[in-house]
Amino acid sequence: MSLINWIFDIYQHGRIDRAEKESQAVRQELAQMRANATTGSDRAPHTDHVAGELALSIKTLQRMMVQKGLCTPAEFTALLDEVDAEDGKRDGRAPI
């Protein structure tokens, strides 16, 4: 492996680690919002904001994967459908 490939791999792993940390932070925030929802706390505007940020992040990741040739849009959709069915119902949502 050349030095450039090695440096690029380190860079990519750093980006992956940051993405995983951001994903975990979003999951924690979502869990907190769910807890607030069960206690009757009114956080709808904040929920919409967080959902919009999450949707933007997902669309960006999907587009990046296609642009970098990691998958085609059809492959992404097929895997999305497969993951959607894992909880026993195809409803366009995943359990949290």
C-alpha atoms as a PDB file:
ATOM      1  CA  MET A   1       0.000   0.000   0.000  1.00  0.00           C
ATOM      2  CA  SER A   2       1.437   3.338  -0.958  1.00  0.00           C
ATOM      3  CA  LEU A   3       1.881   6.152   1.517  1.00  0.00           C
ATOM      4  CA  ILE A   4      -0.889   8.188  -0.107  1.00  0.00           C
ATOM      5  CA  ASN A   5      -3.356   5.308   0.205  1.00  0.00           C
ATOM      6  CA  TRP A   6      -2.332   4.818   3.817  1.00  0.00           C
ATOM      7  CA  ILE A   7      -2.856   8.521   4.617  1.00  0.00           C
ATOM      8  CA  PHE A   8      -6.199   8.499   2.805  1.00  0.00           C
ATOM      9  CA  ASP A   9      -7.285   5.430   4.812  1.00  0.00           C
ATOM     10  CA  ILE A  10      -6.435   7.186   8.067  1.00  0.00           C
ATOM     11  CA  TYR A  11      -8.374  10.248   6.923  1.00  0.00           C
ATOM     12  CA  GLN A  12     -11.391   8.134   5.935  1.00  0.00           C
ATOM     13  CA  HIS A  13     -11.350   6.251   9.235  1.00  0.00           C
ATOM     14  CA  GLY A  14     -11.314   9.586  11.062  1.00  0.00           C
ATOM     15  CA  ARG A  15     -14.361  10.708   9.103  1.00  0.00           C
ATOM     16  CA  ILE A  16     -16.118   7.415   9.810  1.00  0.00           C
ATOM     17  CA  ASP A  17     -15.386   7.750  13.528  1.00  0.00           C
ATOM     18  CA  ARG A  18     -16.784  11.300  13.560  1.00  0.00           C
ATOM     19  CA  ALA A  19     -19.898  10.157  11.682  1.00  0.00           C
ATOM     20  CA  GLU A  20     -20.431   7.347  14.196  1.00  0.00           C
ATOM     21  CA  LYS A  21     -20.109   9.795  17.104  1.00  0.00           C
ATOM     22  CA  GLU A  22     -22.560  12.206  15.466  1.00  0.00           C
ATOM     23  CA  SER A  23     -24.953   9.328  14.831  1.00  0.00           C
ATOM     24  CA  GLN A  24     -24.759   8.292  18.483  1.00  0.00           C
ATOM     25  CA  ALA A  25     -25.420  11.885  19.576  1.00  0.00           C
ATOM     26  CA  VAL A  26     -28.506  12.009  17.355  1.00  0.00           C
ATOM     27  CA  ARG A  27     -29.723   8.701  18.804  1.00  0.00           C
ATOM     28  CA  GLN A  28     -29.271  10.034  22.331  1.00  0.00           C
ATOM     29  CA  GLU A  29     -31.094  13.238  21.484  1.00  0.00           C
ATOM     30  CA  LEU A  30     -33.915  11.253  19.903  1.00  0.00           C
ATOM     31  CA  ALA A  31     -34.171   9.048  22.987  1.00  0.00           C
ATOM     32  CA  GLN A  32     -34.388  12.179  25.140  1.00  0.00           C
ATOM     33  CA  MET A  33     -37.107  13.602  22.883  1.00  0.00           C
ATOM     34  CA  ARG A  34     -39.051  10.355  23.174  1.00  0.00           C
ATOM     35  CA  ALA A  35     -38.733  10.503  26.950  1.00  0.00           C
ATOM     36  CA  ASN A  36     -40.020  14.071  26.882  1.00  0.00           C
ATOM     37  CA  ALA A  37     -42.910  13.036  24.649  1.00  0.00           C
ATOM     38  CA  THR A  38     -44.027  10.401  27.142  1.00  0.00           C
ATOM     39  CA  THR A  39     -43.978  12.954  29.958  1.00  0.00           C
ATOM     40  CA  GLY A  40     -46.113  15.372  27.961  1.00  0.00           C
ATOM     41  CA  SER A  41     -43.373  17.893  27.282  1.00  0.00           C
ATOM     42  CA  ASP A  42     -44.128  19.983  24.194  1.00  0.00           C
ATOM     43  CA  ARG A  43     -41.028  19.831  21.992  1.00  0.00           C
ATOM     44  CA  ALA A  44     -42.589  19.612  18.514  1.00  0.00           C
ATOM     45  CA  PRO A  45     -40.620  22.526  16.967  1.00  0.00           C
ATOM     46  CA  HIS A  46     -37.349  21.051  18.238  1.00  0.00           C
ATOM     47  CA  THR A  47     -38.362  17.594  17.025  1.00  0.00           C
ATOM     48  CA  ASP A  48     -39.041  18.938  13.537  1.00  0.00           C
ATOM     49  CA  HIS A  49     -35.661  20.669  13.520  1.00  0.00           C
ATOM     50  CA  VAL A  50     -33.800  17.519  14.582  1.00  0.00           C
ATOM     51  CA  ALA A  51     -35.732  15.366  12.104  1.00  0.00           C
ATOM     52  CA  GLY A  52     -34.842  17.826   9.333  1.00  0.00           C
ATOM     53  CA  GLU A  53     -31.151  17.719  10.274  1.00  0.00           C
ATOM     54  CA  LEU A  54     -31.223  13.925  10.354  1.00  0.00           C
ATOM     55  CA  ALA A  55     -32.957  13.727   6.959  1.00  0.00           C
ATOM     56  CA  LEU A  56     -30.360  16.093   5.472  1.00  0.00           C
ATOM     57  CA  SER A  57     -27.510  13.993   6.881  1.00  0.00           C
ATOM     58  CA  ILE A  58     -28.969  10.772   5.501  1.00  0.00           C
ATOM     59  CA  LYS A  59     -29.536  12.274   2.042  1.00  0.00           C
ATOM     60  CA  THR A  60     -25.978  13.602   2.036  1.00  0.00           C
ATOM     61  CA  LEU A  61     -24.529  10.206   2.997  1.00  0.00           C
ATOM     62  CA  GLN A  62     -26.615   8.444   0.367  1.00  0.00           C
ATOM     63  CA  ARG A  63     -25.547  10.875  -2.352  1.00  0.00           C
ATOM     64  CA  MET A  64     -21.885  10.608  -1.310  1.00  0.00           C
ATOM     65  CA  MET A  65     -22.010   6.809  -1.458  1.00  0.00           C
ATOM     66  CA  VAL A  66     -23.475   6.903  -4.978  1.00  0.00           C
ATOM     67  CA  GLN A  67     -21.073   9.607  -6.200  1.00  0.00           C
ATOM     68  CA  LYS A  68     -18.051   7.706  -4.870  1.00  0.00           C
ATOM     69  CA  GLY A  69     -19.250   4.562  -6.611  1.00  0.00           C
ATOM     70  CA  LEU A  70     -19.824   2.585  -3.418  1.00  0.00           C
ATOM     71  CA  CYS A  71     -23.301   1.655  -4.613  1.00  0.00           C
ATOM     72  CA  THR A  72     -25.927   2.531  -7.193  1.00  0.00           C
ATOM     73  CA  PRO A  73     -29.235   4.168  -6.300  1.00  0.00           C
ATOM     74  CA  ALA A  74     -30.963   0.841  -7.044  1.00  0.00           C
ATOM     75  CA  GLU A  75     -28.611  -1.050  -4.722  1.00  0.00           C
ATOM     76  CA  PHE A  76     -29.190   1.504  -1.984  1.00  0.00           C
ATOM     77  CA  THR A  77     -32.961   1.216  -2.379  1.00  0.00           C
ATOM     78  CA  ALA A  78     -32.815  -2.586  -2.376  1.00  0.00           C
ATOM     79  CA  LEU A  79     -30.793  -2.618   0.839  1.00  0.00           C
ATOM     80  CA  LEU A  80     -33.094   0.006   2.355  1.00  0.00           C
ATOM     81  CA  ASP A  81     -36.082  -2.251   1.652  1.00  0.00           C
ATOM     82  CA  GLU A  82     -34.236  -5.228   3.121  1.00  0.00           C
ATOM     83  CA  VAL A  83     -33.369  -3.362   6.314  1.00  0.00           C
ATOM     84  CA  ASP A  84     -36.928  -2.012   6.527  1.00  0.00           C
ATOM     85  CA  ALA A  85     -38.294  -5.569   6.518  1.00  0.00           C
ATOM     86  CA  GLU A  86     -35.998  -6.727   9.339  1.00  0.00           C
ATOM     87  CA  ASP A  87     -38.453  -5.641  12.036  1.00  0.00           C
ATOM     88  CA  GLY A  88     -41.240  -7.674  10.430  1.00  0.00           C
ATOM     89  CA  LYS A  89     -43.085  -4.839   8.703  1.00  0.00           C
ATOM     90  CA  ARG A  90     -42.308  -2.743   5.660  1.00  0.00           C
ATOM     91  CA  ASP A  91     -43.373   0.668   6.857  1.00  0.00           C
ATOM     92  CA  GLY A  92     -40.475   2.911   5.863  1.00  0.00           C
ATOM     93  CA  ARG A  93     -39.331   3.187   9.470  1.00  0.00           C
ATOM     94  CA  ALA A  94     -36.859   1.484  11.735  1.00  0.00           C
ATOM     95  CA  PRO A  95     -37.275   0.832  15.429  1.00  0.00           C
ATOM     96  CA  ILE A  96     -35.082   3.003  17.596  1.00  0.00           C
END
